[in-house]
């Protein structure tokens, strides 16, 4: 794996800041990908700023997601459940394609505010969308005649699973953080009250 990263931050005026970043990665087994980020902040007043960002992400399959395999025996039942690696011949027999990279799109916007000399408030809404998420598949049961026929060369295996790009997900919500800092008798006291609300869906 090789990568090049570049980040440029500009402040055209005392109120406006813009940050542009890009990253190119090359994987010998997955090819290249270009990801980028654009972030901006605008000061409406010395104590109140608006901010937003948009970026995309890329994550190649991990080594264990491609090649992990293992057996699990249900105590007292004698059933064997096996995870076959994504590159195995059996995965091809089940028409499980080779893993692709996960790709993400991220959007956020919010504000920062200095309520008093010692107390600040930040709030951000966000949307994260990930395509081709890699998960462990559902269980294929050898009681199904079609499954049993595919597993004919694997006697004793009752259930099988594989890692695969099975789903797309979307997460959206907001973060809220209230921070306080005081100096009391030469001691710094920091307090934070934070909340997060989000909704996660599969599509």
Protein backbone atom coordinates (compact mmCIF):
# COMPACT_ATOMS: atom_id res chain seq x y z
CA UNK A 1 0.00 0.00 0.00
CA UNK A 2 1.26 3.47 -0.86
CA UNK A 3 -0.39 6.84 -0.22
CA UNK A 4 0.08 10.57 -0.76
CA UNK A 5 -1.72 13.19 1.33
CA UNK A 6 -2.07 16.94 0.84
CA UNK A 7 -3.85 19.51 3.04
CA UNK A 8 -4.20 23.23 2.31
CA UNK A 9 -5.72 25.68 4.79
CA UNK A 10 -6.56 29.23 3.72
CA UNK A 11 -7.94 32.21 5.61
CA UNK A 12 -9.04 34.77 2.98
CA UNK A 13 -10.33 37.10 5.71
CA UNK A 14 -10.48 37.34 9.49
CA UNK A 15 -13.93 35.75 9.40
CA UNK A 16 -13.62 33.01 6.79
CA UNK A 17 -11.45 29.87 6.86
CA UNK A 18 -11.38 27.09 4.26
CA UNK A 19 -9.59 23.75 4.43
CA UNK A 20 -9.10 21.48 1.40
CA UNK A 21 -7.50 18.05 1.67
CA UNK A 22 -6.97 15.12 -0.67
CA UNK A 23 -5.48 11.65 -0.32
CA UNK A 24 -4.50 9.18 -3.02
CA UNK A 25 -4.01 5.55 -2.05
CA UNK A 26 -2.86 2.64 -4.15
CA UNK A 27 -3.43 -0.98 -3.11
CA UNK A 28 -1.61 -3.66 -5.08
CA UNK A 29 -4.70 -5.90 -4.90
CA UNK A 30 -7.48 -3.27 -5.18
CA UNK A 31 -6.09 -0.48 -7.34
CA UNK A 32 -6.12 3.26 -6.63
CA UNK A 33 -8.57 5.65 -5.00
CA UNK A 34 -8.76 9.42 -4.61
CA UNK A 35 -10.53 10.83 -1.54
CA UNK A 36 -11.07 14.45 -0.61
CA UNK A 37 -12.41 16.82 2.03
CA UNK A 38 -13.72 20.38 1.96
CA UNK A 39 -14.33 22.17 5.27
CA UNK A 40 -15.30 25.77 5.97
CA UNK A 41 -15.78 27.99 9.00
CA UNK A 42 -17.31 31.46 9.13
CA UNK A 43 -17.21 33.75 12.17
CA UNK A 44 -20.42 35.70 12.49
CA UNK A 45 -19.20 37.27 15.74
CA UNK A 46 -16.06 36.76 17.87
CA UNK A 47 -18.05 34.26 19.95
CA UNK A 48 -20.14 32.50 17.31
CA UNK A 49 -19.01 30.56 14.23
CA UNK A 50 -20.71 28.39 11.62
CA UNK A 51 -18.89 25.39 10.19
CA UNK A 52 -19.52 22.65 7.64
CA UNK A 53 -17.65 19.91 5.82
CA UNK A 54 -18.06 17.31 3.09
CA UNK A 55 -15.73 14.38 2.46
CA UNK A 56 -15.56 10.91 1.01
CA UNK A 57 -13.81 7.86 2.38
CA UNK A 58 -12.39 4.55 1.20
CA UNK A 59 -11.51 1.42 3.17
CA UNK A 60 -10.05 -1.66 1.55
CA UNK A 61 -10.99 -5.05 3.05
CA UNK A 62 -8.84 -6.03 6.02
CA UNK A 63 -6.66 -9.11 5.82
CA UNK A 64 -8.84 -11.03 8.28
CA UNK A 65 -12.00 -10.18 6.36
CA UNK A 66 -10.57 -11.74 3.23
CA UNK A 67 -8.89 -14.79 4.74
CA UNK A 68 -10.41 -15.56 8.15
CA UNK A 69 -11.90 -19.02 8.57
CA UNK A 70 -12.93 -20.94 11.64
CA UNK A 71 -15.14 -23.62 13.17
CA UNK A 72 -17.68 -23.39 15.96
CA UNK A 73 -19.28 -26.41 17.62
CA UNK A 74 -22.56 -26.10 19.47
CA UNK A 75 -22.06 -27.90 22.76
CA UNK A 76 -24.53 -30.70 23.33
CA UNK A 77 -25.79 -30.69 19.76
CA UNK A 78 -22.80 -31.80 17.70
CA UNK A 79 -23.59 -29.22 15.01
CA UNK A 80 -20.63 -27.56 13.33
CA UNK A 81 -20.79 -24.03 11.97
CA UNK A 82 -17.90 -22.93 9.79
CA UNK A 83 -16.81 -19.59 8.38
CA UNK A 84 -15.08 -20.03 5.03
CA UNK A 85 -12.77 -17.30 3.81
CA UNK A 86 -13.93 -15.05 1.01
CA UNK A 87 -11.29 -16.36 -1.39
CA UNK A 88 -12.15 -20.03 -0.89
CA UNK A 89 -13.46 -22.35 -3.60
CA UNK A 90 -16.63 -22.85 -1.56
CA UNK A 91 -17.31 -19.10 -1.58
CA UNK A 92 -17.20 -19.26 -5.37
CA UNK A 93 -19.56 -22.26 -5.33
CA UNK A 94 -22.01 -20.10 -3.34
CA UNK A 95 -21.49 -17.26 -5.86
CA UNK A 96 -20.00 -15.02 -3.15
CA UNK A 97 -17.95 -12.38 -5.04
CA UNK A 98 -14.50 -11.26 -3.96
CA UNK A 99 -14.58 -8.41 -1.47
CA UNK A 100 -14.60 -4.83 -2.72
CA UNK A 101 -13.63 -1.71 -0.78
CA UNK A 102 -16.14 0.16 1.36
CA UNK A 103 -16.84 3.72 0.20
CA UNK A 104 -18.27 6.48 2.37
CA UNK A 105 -19.72 9.96 1.99
CA UNK A 106 -19.77 12.30 5.00
CA UNK A 107 -21.64 15.59 5.45
CA UNK A 108 -21.74 17.77 8.55
CA UNK A 109 -22.74 21.28 9.57
CA UNK A 110 -23.05 23.08 12.88
CA UNK A 111 -21.84 25.92 15.04
CA UNK A 112 -19.53 26.78 17.91
CA UNK A 113 -20.47 29.43 20.45
CA UNK A 114 -18.74 31.06 23.38
CA UNK A 115 -21.62 31.61 25.81
CA UNK A 116 -19.53 33.17 28.55
CA UNK A 117 -15.87 33.55 29.34
CA UNK A 118 -15.85 30.03 30.82
CA UNK A 119 -18.59 28.17 28.96
CA UNK A 120 -18.76 27.14 25.30
CA UNK A 121 -21.34 25.24 23.26
CA UNK A 122 -20.89 23.23 20.07
CA UNK A 123 -23.56 21.53 17.97
CA UNK A 124 -23.21 19.53 14.76
CA UNK A 125 -25.61 17.61 12.52
CA UNK A 126 -24.16 14.89 10.32
CA UNK A 127 -24.90 12.31 7.65
CA UNK A 128 -22.67 9.29 6.99
CA UNK A 129 -23.44 6.96 4.09
CA UNK A 130 -21.38 3.81 3.51
CA UNK A 131 -21.69 1.57 0.45
CA UNK A 132 -20.56 -2.05 0.17
CA UNK A 133 -20.18 -2.57 3.91
CA UNK A 134 -18.35 -5.77 4.75
CA UNK A 135 -20.25 -8.00 7.18
CA UNK A 136 -20.53 -11.65 8.07
CA UNK A 137 -23.34 -13.16 6.04
CA UNK A 138 -26.37 -14.94 7.35
CA UNK A 139 -26.13 -18.66 8.06
CA UNK A 140 -26.56 -21.16 5.23
CA UNK A 141 -28.17 -24.32 6.63
CA UNK A 142 -27.25 -27.74 5.25
CA UNK A 143 -30.81 -28.91 5.93
CA UNK A 144 -31.68 -27.11 2.70
CA UNK A 145 -31.18 -29.68 -0.10
CA UNK A 146 -29.53 -27.10 -2.39
CA UNK A 147 -27.08 -26.12 0.36
CA UNK A 148 -26.42 -29.76 1.20
CA UNK A 149 -25.58 -30.44 -2.44
CA UNK A 150 -22.98 -27.63 -2.49
CA UNK A 151 -21.53 -28.92 0.80
CA UNK A 152 -21.27 -32.53 -0.36
CA UNK A 153 -17.43 -32.36 -0.26
CA UNK A 154 -17.49 -30.99 3.31
CA UNK A 155 -19.04 -33.77 5.41
CA UNK A 156 -19.89 -32.85 8.97
CA UNK A 157 -20.40 -29.13 8.27
CA UNK A 158 -23.95 -28.12 9.16
CA UNK A 159 -23.88 -24.33 8.76
CA UNK A 160 -21.65 -21.99 6.76
CA UNK A 161 -21.01 -18.24 6.60
CA UNK A 162 -18.84 -15.87 4.57
CA UNK A 163 -17.65 -12.27 4.74
CA UNK A 164 -19.23 -10.28 1.93
CA UNK A 165 -20.18 -6.76 0.76
CA UNK A 166 -23.80 -7.29 1.74
CA UNK A 167 -25.32 -3.96 2.75
CA UNK A 168 -25.30 -0.18 2.44
CA UNK A 169 -25.90 1.92 5.56
CA UNK A 170 -26.95 5.48 6.32
CA UNK A 171 -26.44 7.16 9.71
CA UNK A 172 -27.63 10.65 10.55
CA UNK A 173 -28.01 12.60 13.78
CA UNK A 174 -26.48 15.39 15.82
CA UNK A 175 -23.89 15.97 18.55
CA UNK A 176 -24.25 18.55 21.30
CA UNK A 177 -21.47 19.46 23.70
CA UNK A 178 -21.42 22.01 26.56
CA UNK A 179 -17.95 22.67 27.96
CA UNK A 180 -16.92 24.65 31.00
CA UNK A 181 -13.51 25.63 32.33
CA UNK A 182 -12.77 27.43 35.59
CA UNK A 183 -9.67 28.23 37.62
CA UNK A 184 -10.36 27.70 41.32
CA UNK A 185 -7.52 28.25 43.78
CA UNK A 186 -4.93 27.73 41.03
CA UNK A 187 -6.67 24.48 40.00
CA UNK A 188 -8.17 24.02 36.56
CA UNK A 189 -11.66 22.50 36.63
CA UNK A 190 -13.11 21.19 33.34
CA UNK A 191 -16.67 19.94 32.96
CA UNK A 192 -18.31 18.57 29.81
CA UNK A 193 -21.94 17.70 29.17
CA UNK A 194 -22.42 15.88 25.86
CA UNK A 195 -25.30 14.28 24.00
CA UNK A 196 -25.63 12.34 20.77
CA UNK A 197 -28.80 11.30 18.95
CA UNK A 198 -28.63 9.30 15.73
CA UNK A 199 -30.58 6.98 13.48
CA UNK A 200 -29.04 4.08 11.60
CA UNK A 201 -30.65 2.41 8.60
CA UNK A 202 -29.82 -0.26 6.03
CA UNK A 203 -30.72 0.22 2.37
